[in-house]
Amino acid sequence: MNTDKESNIPASSASKSVEYILLESIGNELWEIDYQNGIALNVTEIINPETTGNIIRYSGKIEDFLSNERGLRNLHFHESVNFPMRVHFDN
């Protein structure tokens, strides 16, 4: 296992800092992951997936994607009436 933290972030995402994940098994939830700021937002009701390029399709939960596919740790979930579900993480 590579110990370099940046190695789990795709090169294209590292340069742009943002990646979109479509969770197909959870009602097609769309998540925007901002690696530079350490936050993931559920943008399902804000962004149309058809207008977003380079979406990664994943069958599972956002926490599984962040921890298993990107190797991120210390995931902290926040839910609010006024804001979409979000996750903070250490990268």
C-alpha atoms as a PDB file:
ATOM      1  CA  MET A   1       0.000   0.000   0.000  1.00  0.00           C
ATOM      2  CA  ASN A   2       1.320   3.397  -0.956  1.00  0.00           C
ATOM      3  CA  THR A   3       1.612   5.727   2.005  1.00  0.00           C
ATOM      4  CA  ASP A   4       1.482   8.909  -0.089  1.00  0.00           C
ATOM      5  CA  LYS A   5      -1.913  10.450   0.718  1.00  0.00           C
ATOM      6  CA  GLU A   6      -2.228  12.147  -2.680  1.00  0.00           C
ATOM      7  CA  SER A   7      -1.844   8.805  -4.467  1.00  0.00           C
ATOM      8  CA  ASN A   8      -5.472   7.812  -3.868  1.00  0.00           C
ATOM      9  CA  ILE A   9      -6.806  10.930  -5.551  1.00  0.00           C
ATOM     10  CA  PRO A  10      -7.006  10.669  -9.336  1.00  0.00           C
ATOM     11  CA  ALA A  11      -4.540  12.964 -11.104  1.00  0.00           C
ATOM     12  CA  SER A  12      -7.347  14.786 -12.916  1.00  0.00           C
ATOM     13  CA  SER A  13      -9.149  15.389  -9.618  1.00  0.00           C
ATOM     14  CA  ALA A  14      -6.004  16.468  -7.831  1.00  0.00           C
ATOM     15  CA  SER A  15      -5.469  19.224 -10.358  1.00  0.00           C
ATOM     16  CA  LYS A  16      -9.132  20.300 -10.369  1.00  0.00           C
ATOM     17  CA  SER A  17      -9.773  19.371  -6.748  1.00  0.00           C
ATOM     18  CA  VAL A  18     -13.408  18.412  -7.516  1.00  0.00           C
ATOM     19  CA  GLU A  19     -14.873  15.054  -8.495  1.00  0.00           C
ATOM     20  CA  TYR A  20     -18.498  13.950  -9.019  1.00  0.00           C
ATOM     21  CA  ILE A  21     -19.741  10.550  -7.856  1.00  0.00           C
ATOM     22  CA  LEU A  22     -23.122   9.095  -8.836  1.00  0.00           C
ATOM     23  CA  LEU A  23     -24.275   6.519  -6.280  1.00  0.00           C
ATOM     24  CA  GLU A  24     -26.352   4.227  -8.451  1.00  0.00           C
ATOM     25  CA  SER A  25     -27.489   1.888  -5.681  1.00  0.00           C
ATOM     26  CA  ILE A  26     -28.820   4.772  -3.545  1.00  0.00           C
ATOM     27  CA  GLY A  27     -31.400   6.329  -5.850  1.00  0.00           C
ATOM     28  CA  ASN A  28     -28.790   7.988  -8.066  1.00  0.00           C
ATOM     29  CA  GLU A  29     -27.496  10.421  -5.459  1.00  0.00           C
ATOM     30  CA  LEU A  30     -24.942  12.819  -6.914  1.00  0.00           C
ATOM     31  CA  TRP A  31     -22.059  13.883  -4.672  1.00  0.00           C
ATOM     32  CA  GLU A  32     -19.493  16.595  -5.299  1.00  0.00           C
ATOM     33  CA  ILE A  33     -16.155  15.856  -3.626  1.00  0.00           C
ATOM     34  CA  ASP A  34     -13.788  18.762  -3.078  1.00  0.00           C
ATOM     35  CA  TYR A  35     -10.464  17.218  -2.086  1.00  0.00           C
ATOM     36  CA  GLN A  36      -8.663  20.514  -1.543  1.00  0.00           C
ATOM     37  CA  ASN A  37     -11.204  21.697   1.054  1.00  0.00           C
ATOM     38  CA  GLY A  38     -11.902  18.245   2.525  1.00  0.00           C
ATOM     39  CA  ILE A  39     -15.662  18.199   1.957  1.00  0.00           C
ATOM     40  CA  ALA A  40     -18.207  16.134   0.040  1.00  0.00           C
ATOM     41  CA  LEU A  41     -21.705  17.499  -0.632  1.00  0.00           C
ATOM     42  CA  ASN A  42     -24.854  15.732  -1.740  1.00  0.00           C
ATOM     43  CA  VAL A  43     -25.763  17.887  -4.748  1.00  0.00           C
ATOM     44  CA  THR A  44     -28.562  15.674  -6.059  1.00  0.00           C
ATOM     45  CA  GLU A  45     -31.172  18.428  -5.874  1.00  0.00           C
ATOM     46  CA  ILE A  46     -28.821  21.178  -7.060  1.00  0.00           C
ATOM     47  CA  ILE A  47     -26.900  19.776 -10.044  1.00  0.00           C
ATOM     48  CA  ASN A  48     -28.259  17.787 -12.977  1.00  0.00           C
ATOM     49  CA  PRO A  49     -25.922  14.806 -13.590  1.00  0.00           C
ATOM     50  CA  GLU A  50     -26.491  15.139 -17.333  1.00  0.00           C
ATOM     51  CA  THR A  51     -24.828  18.567 -17.312  1.00  0.00           C
ATOM     52  CA  THR A  52     -21.778  17.410 -15.345  1.00  0.00           C
ATOM     53  CA  GLY A  53     -18.926  15.786 -17.201  1.00  0.00           C
ATOM     54  CA  ASN A  54     -16.715  12.947 -15.977  1.00  0.00           C
ATOM     55  CA  ILE A  55     -19.064  11.454 -13.413  1.00  0.00           C
ATOM     56  CA  ILE A  56     -17.822   8.335 -11.650  1.00  0.00           C
ATOM     57  CA  ARG A  57     -20.560   5.750 -11.146  1.00  0.00           C
ATOM     58  CA  TYR A  58     -20.364   3.775  -7.920  1.00  0.00           C
ATOM     59  CA  SER A  59     -22.587   1.086  -6.429  1.00  0.00           C
ATOM     60  CA  GLY A  60     -22.433   1.732  -2.722  1.00  0.00           C
ATOM     61  CA  LYS A  61     -22.526   4.428  -0.074  1.00  0.00           C
ATOM     62  CA  ILE A  62     -20.536   7.661  -0.139  1.00  0.00           C
ATOM     63  CA  GLU A  63     -18.618   6.645   2.982  1.00  0.00           C
ATOM     64  CA  ASP A  64     -17.576   3.405   1.258  1.00  0.00           C
ATOM     65  CA  PHE A  65     -16.367   5.298  -1.798  1.00  0.00           C
ATOM     66  CA  LEU A  66     -14.413   7.850   0.238  1.00  0.00           C
ATOM     67  CA  SER A  67     -12.779   5.313   2.539  1.00  0.00           C
ATOM     68  CA  ASN A  68     -12.355   2.267   0.274  1.00  0.00           C
ATOM     69  CA  GLU A  69     -11.769   3.861  -3.144  1.00  0.00           C
ATOM     70  CA  ARG A  70      -9.980   7.068  -2.115  1.00  0.00           C
ATOM     71  CA  GLY A  71      -8.432   5.999   1.193  1.00  0.00           C
ATOM     72  CA  LEU A  72      -9.800   8.983   3.106  1.00  0.00           C
ATOM     73  CA  ARG A  73     -10.135   8.802   6.876  1.00  0.00           C
ATOM     74  CA  ASN A  74     -11.847  10.657   9.714  1.00  0.00           C
ATOM     75  CA  LEU A  75     -15.167  11.042   7.907  1.00  0.00           C
ATOM     76  CA  HIS A  76     -17.575  13.366   9.729  1.00  0.00           C
ATOM     77  CA  PHE A  77     -21.192  13.504   8.563  1.00  0.00           C
ATOM     78  CA  HIS A  78     -23.369  16.598   8.936  1.00  0.00           C
ATOM     79  CA  GLU A  79     -27.042  16.955   8.114  1.00  0.00           C
ATOM     80  CA  SER A  80     -29.056  20.144   8.305  1.00  0.00           C
ATOM     81  CA  VAL A  81     -32.513  21.303   7.314  1.00  0.00           C
ATOM     82  CA  ASN A  82     -31.035  24.265   5.431  1.00  0.00           C
ATOM     83  CA  PHE A  83     -28.113  22.529   3.712  1.00  0.00           C
ATOM     84  CA  PRO A  84     -27.619  19.252   1.849  1.00  0.00           C
ATOM     85  CA  MET A  85     -25.984  16.271   3.539  1.00  0.00           C
ATOM     86  CA  ARG A  86     -22.237  16.786   3.713  1.00  0.00           C
ATOM     87  CA  VAL A  87     -19.142  14.924   4.809  1.00  0.00           C
ATOM     88  CA  HIS A  88     -15.898  16.453   6.087  1.00  0.00           C
ATOM     89  CA  PHE A  89     -12.721  14.412   5.824  1.00  0.00           C
ATOM     90  CA  ASP A  90      -8.976  14.530   6.310  1.00  0.00           C
ATOM     91  CA  ASN A  91      -7.048  14.138   3.090  1.00  0.00           C
END
